[in-house]
Amino acid sequence: MGTEERSRCLIFTYGTLKRGFPNHGLIEDLMPTGDAIFLGSYQTVERYPLVCGPFRVPFLINLRGHGDRVWGELYAVTGKGLERMDELEGTNRGHYERLPVEIVQADEAAHGNEKKVAEVVRAEAYYAHRSYGEELWRRNGERGFCRYSEEEACGDIVHEQITNGFLILVLLPTKNLDFFLGSLVANFSADESMSGNSWIESS
């Protein structure tokens, strides 16, 4: 096994980076050069909250034991691929943070919900940043879902907001994620300030 193969990082994607969603184009750009390789569909070993924020953007929240076991896709990416993903997810701007997650490959049986699982794989995923993740879970009534699907992506909020920049924010995240998440945090901060109980951590 070469140095490049050993240095690949396993990334578990659960939202808009998955096939069929707007940000998957980034992964498609990396595949021809071998900087991203699809490894299959996987599910988290532990339960985690998966919720949608404003504009139906999905967030995995690092609160183990809450929510559901989350479905997603696993990719092996090189350093170049990881750099592109980190930039998209705004890891150096406090949007998401890349942290470990344990997952298993699961194939649904022909009948029922029985699953055939493989050994545990240690990967990384992009979680909502700790500065707002827990609050986002609370504001969703501590209710989430196990799979980010078209149904979640096209909920009522999308239909209300689609003329106010939804497509721009999702299809051009590299340029607009600062604005979107900055607005998200600012809205939370303003609401909490009015109640005299701000949850936003100072940087």
Protein backbone atom coordinates (compact mmCIF):
# COMPACT_ATOMS: atom_id res chain seq x y z
CA MET A 1 0.00 0.00 0.00
CA GLY A 2 1.45 3.35 -1.06
CA THR A 3 1.85 6.44 1.08
CA GLU A 4 -1.08 8.15 -0.63
CA GLU A 5 -3.39 5.21 0.11
CA ARG A 6 -2.37 5.14 3.77
CA SER A 7 -2.96 8.87 4.11
CA ARG A 8 -6.54 8.79 2.84
CA CYS A 9 -9.19 9.95 5.28
CA LEU A 10 -12.58 8.29 5.59
CA ILE A 11 -15.40 10.84 5.50
CA PHE A 12 -18.98 9.95 6.39
CA THR A 13 -21.39 12.27 4.55
CA TYR A 14 -24.98 12.55 5.69
CA GLY A 15 -26.36 15.66 3.95
CA THR A 16 -25.87 17.73 0.83
CA LEU A 17 -22.59 16.01 -0.11
CA LYS A 18 -24.48 12.77 -0.77
CA ARG A 19 -25.38 11.62 -4.26
CA GLY A 20 -28.42 13.41 -5.62
CA PHE A 21 -27.94 16.54 -3.50
CA PRO A 22 -26.54 19.95 -4.52
CA ASN A 23 -23.04 19.75 -3.01
CA HIS A 24 -22.23 16.30 -4.39
CA GLY A 25 -20.70 18.10 -7.37
CA LEU A 26 -17.62 18.73 -5.24
CA ILE A 27 -17.11 14.98 -4.78
CA GLU A 28 -17.79 14.35 -8.45
CA ASP A 29 -15.00 16.81 -9.28
CA LEU A 30 -12.60 14.85 -7.05
CA MET A 31 -13.44 11.37 -8.33
CA PRO A 32 -11.75 11.45 -11.78
CA THR A 33 -8.38 12.17 -10.14
CA GLY A 34 -8.89 9.57 -7.43
CA ASP A 35 -9.11 12.21 -4.72
CA ALA A 36 -12.47 10.80 -3.60
CA ILE A 37 -13.66 7.19 -3.77
CA PHE A 38 -17.17 6.04 -2.91
CA LEU A 39 -17.08 3.13 -0.45
CA GLY A 40 -20.77 2.50 0.14
CA SER A 41 -23.77 3.34 2.28
CA TYR A 42 -23.22 3.31 6.03
CA GLN A 43 -25.04 3.96 9.29
CA THR A 44 -23.73 5.34 12.58
CA VAL A 45 -23.19 2.84 15.38
CA GLU A 46 -24.45 5.31 17.98
CA ARG A 47 -27.50 7.54 17.89
CA TYR A 48 -26.93 11.21 17.02
CA PRO A 49 -29.30 14.12 16.39
CA LEU A 50 -29.69 14.98 12.71
CA VAL A 51 -31.77 18.11 12.16
CA CYS A 52 -32.42 20.79 9.57
CA GLY A 53 -31.63 24.40 10.29
CA PRO A 54 -32.93 27.40 8.35
CA PHE A 55 -33.18 26.77 4.59
CA ARG A 56 -33.34 23.01 5.37
CA VAL A 57 -29.55 22.74 5.66
CA PRO A 58 -28.75 19.50 7.57
CA PHE A 59 -26.67 19.40 10.74
CA LEU A 60 -25.35 16.35 12.58
CA ILE A 61 -24.98 17.26 16.25
CA ASN A 62 -22.33 15.75 18.50
CA LEU A 63 -24.69 14.56 21.24
CA ARG A 64 -24.13 10.83 21.34
CA GLY A 65 -27.10 8.82 22.56
CA HIS A 66 -29.71 11.32 21.34
CA GLY A 67 -31.66 11.18 18.08
CA ASP A 68 -31.31 8.19 15.75
CA ARG A 69 -28.69 6.08 14.06
CA VAL A 70 -27.93 8.17 10.98
CA TRP A 71 -27.62 6.92 7.41
CA GLY A 72 -25.08 8.32 4.96
CA GLU A 73 -22.33 7.60 2.46
CA LEU A 74 -18.66 6.85 3.08
CA TYR A 75 -15.83 8.27 0.96
CA ALA A 76 -12.08 7.80 1.08
CA VAL A 77 -10.46 11.15 0.27
CA THR A 78 -6.90 12.32 -0.17
CA GLY A 79 -5.38 15.37 1.50
CA LYS A 80 -6.46 17.45 -1.49
CA GLY A 81 -10.02 16.16 -1.23
CA LEU A 82 -10.10 16.79 2.50
CA GLU A 83 -8.92 20.36 2.00
CA ARG A 84 -11.75 20.97 -0.47
CA MET A 85 -14.33 19.50 1.90
CA ASP A 86 -13.02 21.44 4.89
CA GLU A 87 -13.31 24.64 2.88
CA LEU A 88 -16.86 23.83 1.83
CA GLU A 89 -17.90 23.03 5.39
CA GLY A 90 -16.18 26.11 6.84
CA THR A 91 -14.18 24.24 9.48
CA ASN A 92 -11.82 27.19 9.93
CA ARG A 93 -14.74 29.60 10.24
CA GLY A 94 -16.71 27.90 12.99
CA HIS A 95 -19.45 26.49 10.76
CA TYR A 96 -18.87 22.76 11.09
CA GLU A 97 -16.18 20.74 12.83
CA ARG A 98 -14.73 17.45 11.61
CA LEU A 99 -14.81 14.86 14.38
CA PRO A 100 -14.65 11.05 14.68
CA VAL A 101 -17.66 8.81 14.15
CA GLU A 102 -18.07 5.03 14.20
CA ILE A 103 -20.15 3.53 11.42
CA VAL A 104 -21.13 0.16 9.97
CA GLN A 105 -22.04 -0.82 6.45
CA ALA A 106 -25.62 -1.99 6.27
CA ASP A 107 -27.52 -3.65 3.44
CA GLU A 108 -31.28 -3.79 3.80
CA ALA A 109 -32.60 -7.32 3.47
CA ALA A 110 -35.03 -8.18 0.72
CA HIS A 111 -37.88 -8.33 3.25
CA GLY A 112 -38.48 -6.34 6.41
CA ASN A 113 -36.01 -4.09 8.20
CA GLU A 114 -33.44 -6.76 8.94
CA LYS A 115 -29.90 -5.60 8.23
CA LYS A 116 -26.64 -7.33 7.55
CA VAL A 117 -23.86 -5.34 9.19
CA ALA A 118 -20.13 -5.32 8.66
CA GLU A 119 -17.37 -4.53 11.13
CA VAL A 120 -17.19 -1.12 12.76
CA VAL A 121 -15.37 1.51 10.68
CA ARG A 122 -13.82 4.59 12.26
CA ALA A 123 -14.33 7.64 10.08
CA GLU A 124 -14.92 11.36 10.47
CA ALA A 125 -17.99 13.49 9.87
CA TYR A 126 -18.81 17.19 9.76
CA TYR A 127 -20.78 18.06 12.87
CA ALA A 128 -22.53 21.33 13.61
CA HIS A 129 -20.01 23.48 15.45
CA ARG A 130 -20.21 23.15 19.22
CA SER A 131 -20.93 26.88 19.55
CA TYR A 132 -24.48 26.36 18.27
CA GLY A 133 -25.09 22.60 17.76
CA GLU A 134 -26.75 21.82 21.08
CA GLU A 135 -28.93 24.92 20.85
CA LEU A 136 -30.02 23.93 17.34
CA TRP A 137 -31.10 20.55 18.69
CA ARG A 138 -33.09 22.25 21.44
CA ARG A 139 -34.77 24.61 18.99
CA ASN A 140 -35.87 21.65 16.89
CA GLY A 141 -37.73 20.33 19.92
CA GLU A 142 -35.09 17.60 20.27
CA ARG A 143 -36.64 15.87 17.28
CA GLY A 144 -34.60 14.78 14.29
CA PHE A 145 -34.50 12.08 11.62
CA CYS A 146 -32.30 9.18 10.62
CA ARG A 147 -31.77 10.04 6.96
CA TYR A 148 -31.51 13.33 5.08
CA SER A 149 -33.77 12.72 2.09
CA GLU A 150 -35.54 14.83 -0.50
CA GLU A 151 -38.49 15.00 1.86
CA GLU A 152 -36.40 16.72 4.54
CA ALA A 153 -34.56 18.85 1.97
CA CYS A 154 -37.83 20.13 0.51
CA GLY A 155 -39.83 20.82 3.66
CA ASP A 156 -42.11 23.76 4.29
CA ILE A 157 -39.24 26.11 5.13
CA VAL A 158 -37.75 25.58 1.69
CA HIS A 159 -40.99 26.54 -0.02
CA GLU A 160 -41.22 29.68 2.10
CA GLN A 161 -37.60 30.69 1.56
CA ILE A 162 -36.82 29.51 -1.95
CA THR A 163 -37.41 32.97 -3.42
CA ASN A 164 -35.25 34.56 -0.74
CA GLY A 165 -31.95 32.91 -1.61
CA PHE A 166 -32.29 29.20 -0.79
CA LEU A 167 -30.90 28.00 -4.11
CA ILE A 168 -28.01 30.43 -3.92
CA LEU A 169 -27.10 29.39 -0.40
CA VAL A 170 -27.15 25.67 -1.16
CA LEU A 171 -25.69 25.61 -4.64
CA LEU A 172 -22.94 28.12 -3.89
CA PRO A 173 -21.96 27.23 -0.31
CA THR A 174 -18.31 28.17 -0.65
CA LYS A 175 -19.24 31.80 -1.24
CA ASN A 176 -22.35 32.02 0.90
CA LEU A 177 -21.87 29.72 3.90
CA ASP A 178 -20.24 32.52 5.89
CA PHE A 179 -23.33 34.66 5.37
CA PHE A 180 -25.76 31.83 6.08
CA LEU A 181 -24.22 30.50 9.28
CA GLY A 182 -23.27 33.99 10.41
CA SER A 183 -26.95 34.88 10.15
CA LEU A 184 -27.93 31.67 11.92
CA VAL A 185 -25.68 32.34 14.90
CA ALA A 186 -26.60 36.02 14.95
CA ASN A 187 -30.30 35.16 15.09
CA PHE A 188 -29.77 32.74 17.96
CA SER A 189 -27.61 35.28 19.78
CA ALA A 190 -30.16 38.06 19.34
CA ASP A 191 -32.99 35.86 20.60
CA GLU A 192 -31.06 34.78 23.67
CA SER A 193 -29.83 38.31 24.37
CA MET A 194 -33.44 39.47 24.50
CA SER A 195 -34.12 36.86 27.15
CA GLY A 196 -30.91 37.75 28.98
CA ASN A 197 -29.42 34.29 28.53
CA SER A 198 -26.99 34.22 25.63
CA TRP A 199 -25.66 30.75 24.70
CA ILE A 200 -23.15 31.90 22.08
CA GLU A 201 -19.54 31.29 23.10
CA SER A 202 -17.25 34.25 22.64
CA SER A 203 -14.32 33.64 20.33
